[in-house]
């Protein structure tokens, strides 16, 4: 398992948080999602072979933007 994280712009409320969590947890390779609205961060635990680009694309398809990845 590995952890990856992103800064996510456009998250403003619990509905945004729920939307991202639901989308990410539908991926069988992702086991845990932590979202901090104040920090605008998404940190997830996933299988080692999970593509960072795939996760990033999943979030962007929901209408959010990712200016950068985070070190976790």
C-alpha atoms as a PDB file:
ATOM      1  CA  UNK A   1       0.000   0.000   0.000  1.00  0.00           C
ATOM      2  CA  UNK A   2       1.063   3.555  -0.641  1.00  0.00           C
ATOM      3  CA  UNK A   3      -0.267   7.014   0.171  1.00  0.00           C
ATOM      4  CA  UNK A   4      -0.684   9.756  -2.382  1.00  0.00           C
ATOM      5  CA  UNK A   5      -2.050  13.247  -1.965  1.00  0.00           C
ATOM      6  CA  UNK A   6      -3.179  16.273  -3.914  1.00  0.00           C
ATOM      7  CA  UNK A   7      -4.152  19.885  -3.389  1.00  0.00           C
ATOM      8  CA  UNK A   8      -7.638  20.193  -4.825  1.00  0.00           C
ATOM      9  CA  UNK A   9      -9.116  23.545  -5.785  1.00  0.00           C
ATOM     10  CA  UNK A  10     -12.864  24.017  -5.815  1.00  0.00           C
ATOM     11  CA  UNK A  11     -13.736  21.940  -2.726  1.00  0.00           C
ATOM     12  CA  UNK A  12     -15.870  24.182  -0.557  1.00  0.00           C
ATOM     13  CA  UNK A  13     -18.403  22.068   1.318  1.00  0.00           C
ATOM     14  CA  UNK A  14     -19.422  18.683   2.624  1.00  0.00           C
ATOM     15  CA  UNK A  15     -21.155  17.866  -0.665  1.00  0.00           C
ATOM     16  CA  UNK A  16     -17.879  18.392  -2.537  1.00  0.00           C
ATOM     17  CA  UNK A  17     -16.097  16.195  -0.025  1.00  0.00           C
ATOM     18  CA  UNK A  18     -18.732  13.463  -0.334  1.00  0.00           C
ATOM     19  CA  UNK A  19     -18.620  13.566  -4.114  1.00  0.00           C
ATOM     20  CA  UNK A  20     -14.841  13.049  -4.185  1.00  0.00           C
ATOM     21  CA  UNK A  21     -14.898  10.343  -1.487  1.00  0.00           C
ATOM     22  CA  UNK A  22     -17.622   8.390  -3.276  1.00  0.00           C
ATOM     23  CA  UNK A  23     -15.812   8.566  -6.598  1.00  0.00           C
ATOM     24  CA  UNK A  24     -12.424   7.544  -5.205  1.00  0.00           C
ATOM     25  CA  UNK A  25     -13.758   4.747  -3.000  1.00  0.00           C
ATOM     26  CA  UNK A  26     -15.513   3.228  -6.015  1.00  0.00           C
ATOM     27  CA  UNK A  27     -12.011   2.352  -7.246  1.00  0.00           C
ATOM     28  CA  UNK A  28     -11.185  -1.088  -5.807  1.00  0.00           C
ATOM     29  CA  UNK A  29      -7.500  -0.128  -5.509  1.00  0.00           C
ATOM     30  CA  UNK A  30      -8.263   2.696  -3.053  1.00  0.00           C
ATOM     31  CA  UNK A  31      -8.866   1.650   0.548  1.00  0.00           C
ATOM     32  CA  UNK A  32      -9.001   4.963   2.432  1.00  0.00           C
ATOM     33  CA  UNK A  33      -9.628   8.628   1.609  1.00  0.00           C
ATOM     34  CA  UNK A  34      -8.922  11.591   3.917  1.00  0.00           C
ATOM     35  CA  UNK A  35     -10.187  15.002   2.828  1.00  0.00           C
ATOM     36  CA  UNK A  36      -9.441  18.270   4.616  1.00  0.00           C
ATOM     37  CA  UNK A  37     -11.614  21.116   3.329  1.00  0.00           C
ATOM     38  CA  UNK A  38      -9.603  23.778   5.175  1.00  0.00           C
ATOM     39  CA  UNK A  39      -6.296  22.604   3.715  1.00  0.00           C
ATOM     40  CA  UNK A  40      -7.929  21.695   0.381  1.00  0.00           C
ATOM     41  CA  UNK A  41      -6.150  18.365   0.480  1.00  0.00           C
ATOM     42  CA  UNK A  42      -7.033  14.821  -0.501  1.00  0.00           C
ATOM     43  CA  UNK A  43      -4.828  12.030   0.820  1.00  0.00           C
ATOM     44  CA  UNK A  44      -5.562   8.436  -0.020  1.00  0.00           C
ATOM     45  CA  UNK A  45      -4.217   4.999   0.684  1.00  0.00           C
ATOM     46  CA  UNK A  46      -4.121   2.726  -2.318  1.00  0.00           C
ATOM     47  CA  UNK A  47      -2.532  -0.333  -3.872  1.00  0.00           C
ATOM     48  CA  UNK A  48       1.080   0.113  -4.970  1.00  0.00           C
ATOM     49  CA  UNK A  49       0.170  -0.231  -8.645  1.00  0.00           C
ATOM     50  CA  UNK A  50      -2.510   2.499  -8.571  1.00  0.00           C
ATOM     51  CA  UNK A  51      -1.869   5.162 -11.204  1.00  0.00           C
ATOM     52  CA  UNK A  52      -1.542   8.679  -9.812  1.00  0.00           C
ATOM     53  CA  UNK A  53      -2.721  10.005 -13.169  1.00  0.00           C
ATOM     54  CA  UNK A  54      -5.870   7.847 -12.998  1.00  0.00           C
ATOM     55  CA  UNK A  55      -6.720   9.181  -9.528  1.00  0.00           C
ATOM     56  CA  UNK A  56      -6.020  12.755 -10.573  1.00  0.00           C
ATOM     57  CA  UNK A  57      -8.218  12.360 -13.660  1.00  0.00           C
ATOM     58  CA  UNK A  58     -11.067  10.947 -11.543  1.00  0.00           C
ATOM     59  CA  UNK A  59     -11.041  14.063  -9.360  1.00  0.00           C
ATOM     60  CA  UNK A  60     -10.752  16.460 -12.316  1.00  0.00           C
ATOM     61  CA  UNK A  61     -13.687  14.775 -14.094  1.00  0.00           C
ATOM     62  CA  UNK A  62     -15.840  15.811 -11.121  1.00  0.00           C
ATOM     63  CA  UNK A  63     -15.079  19.468 -11.910  1.00  0.00           C
ATOM     64  CA  UNK A  64     -12.210  20.128  -9.485  1.00  0.00           C
ATOM     65  CA  UNK A  65      -8.681  21.172 -10.377  1.00  0.00           C
ATOM     66  CA  UNK A  66      -5.426  19.821  -8.991  1.00  0.00           C
ATOM     67  CA  UNK A  67      -2.625  22.380  -8.997  1.00  0.00           C
ATOM     68  CA  UNK A  68      -0.075  20.032  -7.441  1.00  0.00           C
ATOM     69  CA  UNK A  69       0.623  16.721  -5.762  1.00  0.00           C
ATOM     70  CA  UNK A  70       1.490  16.530  -2.063  1.00  0.00           C
ATOM     71  CA  UNK A  71       4.276  14.633  -0.364  1.00  0.00           C
ATOM     72  CA  UNK A  72       2.805  12.207   2.148  1.00  0.00           C
END
